[in-house]
Protein backbone atom coordinates (compact mmCIF):
# COMPACT_ATOMS: atom_id res chain seq x y z
CA UNK A 1 0.00 0.00 0.00
CA UNK A 2 1.42 3.35 -0.95
CA UNK A 3 1.20 6.31 1.38
CA UNK A 4 -1.10 8.13 -1.07
CA UNK A 5 -3.92 5.78 0.02
CA UNK A 6 -3.49 6.73 3.67
CA UNK A 7 -5.59 9.57 5.08
CA UNK A 8 -3.60 12.78 5.57
CA UNK A 9 -4.59 12.91 9.25
CA UNK A 10 -3.03 9.47 9.76
CA UNK A 11 0.20 10.60 8.09
CA UNK A 12 0.31 13.75 10.25
CA UNK A 13 -0.26 11.79 13.46
CA UNK A 14 2.38 9.23 12.56
CA UNK A 15 4.89 11.98 11.74
CA UNK A 16 4.22 13.56 15.14
CA UNK A 17 4.71 10.19 16.80
CA UNK A 18 7.95 9.72 14.87
CA UNK A 19 9.25 13.09 16.12
CA UNK A 20 8.41 12.07 19.67
CA UNK A 21 10.16 8.71 19.19
CA UNK A 22 13.30 10.51 17.98
CA UNK A 23 13.46 12.36 21.30
CA UNK A 24 13.78 8.96 22.99
CA UNK A 25 16.31 7.29 20.68
CA UNK A 26 18.05 10.00 18.68
CA UNK A 27 18.77 10.03 14.95
CA UNK A 28 18.87 6.23 14.60
CA UNK A 29 15.14 6.42 15.30
CA UNK A 30 14.48 7.61 11.75
CA UNK A 31 15.34 4.20 10.36
CA UNK A 32 13.37 2.46 13.12
CA UNK A 33 10.34 4.66 12.38
CA UNK A 34 10.52 3.92 8.67
CA UNK A 35 10.80 0.17 9.23
CA UNK A 36 8.00 0.18 11.80
CA UNK A 37 5.73 2.30 9.60
CA UNK A 38 6.23 -0.04 6.63
CA UNK A 39 5.54 -3.07 8.82
CA UNK A 40 2.47 -1.38 10.33
CA UNK A 41 0.90 -0.51 7.00
CA UNK A 42 1.62 -4.03 5.73
CA UNK A 43 -0.07 -5.69 8.71
CA UNK A 44 -2.80 -3.19 9.66
CA UNK A 45 -5.27 -0.98 7.88
CA UNK A 46 -3.69 2.47 8.32
CA UNK A 47 -6.42 4.44 10.07
CA UNK A 48 -6.71 6.53 13.23
CA UNK A 49 -8.07 3.54 15.12
CA UNK A 50 -5.03 1.45 14.19
CA UNK A 51 -2.38 3.99 15.22
CA UNK A 52 -2.00 2.49 18.72
CA UNK A 53 -0.54 -0.59 17.01
CA UNK A 54 2.05 1.65 15.36
CA UNK A 55 2.86 3.15 18.76
CA UNK A 56 3.33 -0.37 20.15
CA UNK A 57 5.71 -1.25 17.31
CA UNK A 58 7.88 1.71 18.21
CA UNK A 59 7.59 1.30 21.97
CA UNK A 60 8.94 -2.27 21.98
CA UNK A 61 12.21 -0.88 20.64
CA UNK A 62 12.79 1.28 23.71
CA UNK A 63 15.28 0.00 26.30
CA UNK A 64 13.18 -0.15 29.44
CA UNK A 65 9.58 -0.48 30.56
CA UNK A 66 9.40 2.99 32.08
CA UNK A 67 10.44 4.62 28.81
CA UNK A 68 8.05 2.38 26.86
CA UNK A 69 5.16 3.40 29.10
CA UNK A 70 6.04 7.10 28.99
CA UNK A 71 6.44 7.09 25.19
CA UNK A 72 3.13 5.26 24.73
CA UNK A 73 1.33 7.69 27.01
CA UNK A 74 2.75 10.74 25.23
CA UNK A 75 2.03 9.25 21.80
CA UNK A 76 -1.59 8.55 22.73
CA UNK A 77 -1.91 12.20 23.78
CA UNK A 78 -0.65 13.20 20.33
CA UNK A 79 -3.48 11.21 18.75
CA UNK A 80 -6.01 12.96 20.98
CA UNK A 81 -4.54 16.37 20.12
CA UNK A 82 -4.76 15.72 16.39
CA UNK A 83 -8.26 14.28 16.49
CA UNK A 84 -9.53 16.73 19.08
CA UNK A 85 -10.77 14.29 21.71
C-alpha atoms as a PDB file:
ATOM      1  CA  UNK A   1       0.000   0.000   0.000  1.00  0.00           C
ATOM      2  CA  UNK A   2       1.422   3.347  -0.953  1.00  0.00           C
ATOM      3  CA  UNK A   3       1.197   6.310   1.379  1.00  0.00           C
ATOM      4  CA  UNK A   4      -1.100   8.127  -1.068  1.00  0.00           C
ATOM      5  CA  UNK A   5      -3.919   5.779   0.023  1.00  0.00           C
ATOM      6  CA  UNK A   6      -3.494   6.728   3.673  1.00  0.00           C
ATOM      7  CA  UNK A   7      -5.593   9.566   5.084  1.00  0.00           C
ATOM      8  CA  UNK A   8      -3.600  12.776   5.569  1.00  0.00           C
ATOM      9  CA  UNK A   9      -4.591  12.910   9.246  1.00  0.00           C
ATOM     10  CA  UNK A  10      -3.029   9.472   9.759  1.00  0.00           C
ATOM     11  CA  UNK A  11       0.203  10.603   8.088  1.00  0.00           C
ATOM     12  CA  UNK A  12       0.307  13.755  10.245  1.00  0.00           C
ATOM     13  CA  UNK A  13      -0.264  11.794  13.459  1.00  0.00           C
ATOM     14  CA  UNK A  14       2.378   9.227  12.564  1.00  0.00           C
ATOM     15  CA  UNK A  15       4.888  11.979  11.737  1.00  0.00           C
ATOM     16  CA  UNK A  16       4.217  13.562  15.142  1.00  0.00           C
ATOM     17  CA  UNK A  17       4.715  10.186  16.805  1.00  0.00           C
ATOM     18  CA  UNK A  18       7.954   9.717  14.865  1.00  0.00           C
ATOM     19  CA  UNK A  19       9.249  13.086  16.116  1.00  0.00           C
ATOM     20  CA  UNK A  20       8.414  12.066  19.669  1.00  0.00           C
ATOM     21  CA  UNK A  21      10.159   8.708  19.185  1.00  0.00           C
ATOM     22  CA  UNK A  22      13.296  10.506  17.983  1.00  0.00           C
ATOM     23  CA  UNK A  23      13.456  12.357  21.303  1.00  0.00           C
ATOM     24  CA  UNK A  24      13.781   8.958  22.990  1.00  0.00           C
ATOM     25  CA  UNK A  25      16.311   7.293  20.684  1.00  0.00           C
ATOM     26  CA  UNK A  26      18.049   9.999  18.683  1.00  0.00           C
ATOM     27  CA  UNK A  27      18.770  10.031  14.947  1.00  0.00           C
ATOM     28  CA  UNK A  28      18.866   6.233  14.599  1.00  0.00           C
ATOM     29  CA  UNK A  29      15.139   6.416  15.298  1.00  0.00           C
ATOM     30  CA  UNK A  30      14.479   7.610  11.747  1.00  0.00           C
ATOM     31  CA  UNK A  31      15.339   4.197  10.364  1.00  0.00           C
ATOM     32  CA  UNK A  32      13.370   2.456  13.122  1.00  0.00           C
ATOM     33  CA  UNK A  33      10.343   4.661  12.380  1.00  0.00           C
ATOM     34  CA  UNK A  34      10.518   3.920   8.666  1.00  0.00           C
ATOM     35  CA  UNK A  35      10.796   0.169   9.231  1.00  0.00           C
ATOM     36  CA  UNK A  36       7.999   0.177  11.796  1.00  0.00           C
ATOM     37  CA  UNK A  37       5.730   2.300   9.601  1.00  0.00           C
ATOM     38  CA  UNK A  38       6.230  -0.039   6.632  1.00  0.00           C
ATOM     39  CA  UNK A  39       5.537  -3.072   8.824  1.00  0.00           C
ATOM     40  CA  UNK A  40       2.467  -1.384  10.335  1.00  0.00           C
ATOM     41  CA  UNK A  41       0.898  -0.510   6.999  1.00  0.00           C
ATOM     42  CA  UNK A  42       1.618  -4.031   5.733  1.00  0.00           C
ATOM     43  CA  UNK A  43      -0.069  -5.691   8.714  1.00  0.00           C
ATOM     44  CA  UNK A  44      -2.796  -3.194   9.656  1.00  0.00           C
ATOM     45  CA  UNK A  45      -5.269  -0.976   7.877  1.00  0.00           C
ATOM     46  CA  UNK A  46      -3.688   2.471   8.324  1.00  0.00           C
ATOM     47  CA  UNK A  47      -6.423   4.440  10.072  1.00  0.00           C
ATOM     48  CA  UNK A  48      -6.710   6.533  13.225  1.00  0.00           C
ATOM     49  CA  UNK A  49      -8.072   3.538  15.123  1.00  0.00           C
ATOM     50  CA  UNK A  50      -5.030   1.450  14.194  1.00  0.00           C
ATOM     51  CA  UNK A  51      -2.381   3.989  15.219  1.00  0.00           C
ATOM     52  CA  UNK A  52      -1.998   2.494  18.722  1.00  0.00           C
ATOM     53  CA  UNK A  53      -0.537  -0.587  17.014  1.00  0.00           C
ATOM     54  CA  UNK A  54       2.050   1.649  15.363  1.00  0.00           C
ATOM     55  CA  UNK A  55       2.859   3.148  18.759  1.00  0.00           C
ATOM     56  CA  UNK A  56       3.330  -0.374  20.150  1.00  0.00           C
ATOM     57  CA  UNK A  57       5.709  -1.254  17.310  1.00  0.00           C
ATOM     58  CA  UNK A  58       7.877   1.705  18.207  1.00  0.00           C
ATOM     59  CA  UNK A  59       7.592   1.296  21.974  1.00  0.00           C
ATOM     60  CA  UNK A  60       8.937  -2.269  21.978  1.00  0.00           C
ATOM     61  CA  UNK A  61      12.212  -0.880  20.640  1.00  0.00           C
ATOM     62  CA  UNK A  62      12.795   1.279  23.708  1.00  0.00           C
ATOM     63  CA  UNK A  63      15.282   0.001  26.301  1.00  0.00           C
ATOM     64  CA  UNK A  64      13.180  -0.149  29.439  1.00  0.00           C
ATOM     65  CA  UNK A  65       9.581  -0.479  30.564  1.00  0.00           C
ATOM     66  CA  UNK A  66       9.404   2.991  32.081  1.00  0.00           C
ATOM     67  CA  UNK A  67      10.442   4.621  28.807  1.00  0.00           C
ATOM     68  CA  UNK A  68       8.053   2.378  26.863  1.00  0.00           C
ATOM     69  CA  UNK A  69       5.162   3.405  29.099  1.00  0.00           C
ATOM     70  CA  UNK A  70       6.039   7.103  28.986  1.00  0.00           C
ATOM     71  CA  UNK A  71       6.443   7.090  25.194  1.00  0.00           C
ATOM     72  CA  UNK A  72       3.132   5.262  24.730  1.00  0.00           C
ATOM     73  CA  UNK A  73       1.327   7.692  27.007  1.00  0.00           C
ATOM     74  CA  UNK A  74       2.753  10.745  25.230  1.00  0.00           C
ATOM     75  CA  UNK A  75       2.027   9.251  21.805  1.00  0.00           C
ATOM     76  CA  UNK A  76      -1.592   8.555  22.728  1.00  0.00           C
ATOM     77  CA  UNK A  77      -1.912  12.202  23.782  1.00  0.00           C
ATOM     78  CA  UNK A  78      -0.649  13.201  20.330  1.00  0.00           C
ATOM     79  CA  UNK A  79      -3.475  11.213  18.752  1.00  0.00           C
ATOM     80  CA  UNK A  80      -6.008  12.962  20.978  1.00  0.00           C
ATOM     81  CA  UNK A  81      -4.536  16.369  20.124  1.00  0.00           C
ATOM     82  CA  UNK A  82      -4.762  15.720  16.386  1.00  0.00           C
ATOM     83  CA  UNK A  83      -8.256  14.280  16.495  1.00  0.00           C
ATOM     84  CA  UNK A  84      -9.532  16.728  19.082  1.00  0.00           C
ATOM     85  CA  UNK A  85     -10.773  14.286  21.710  1.00  0.00           C
END
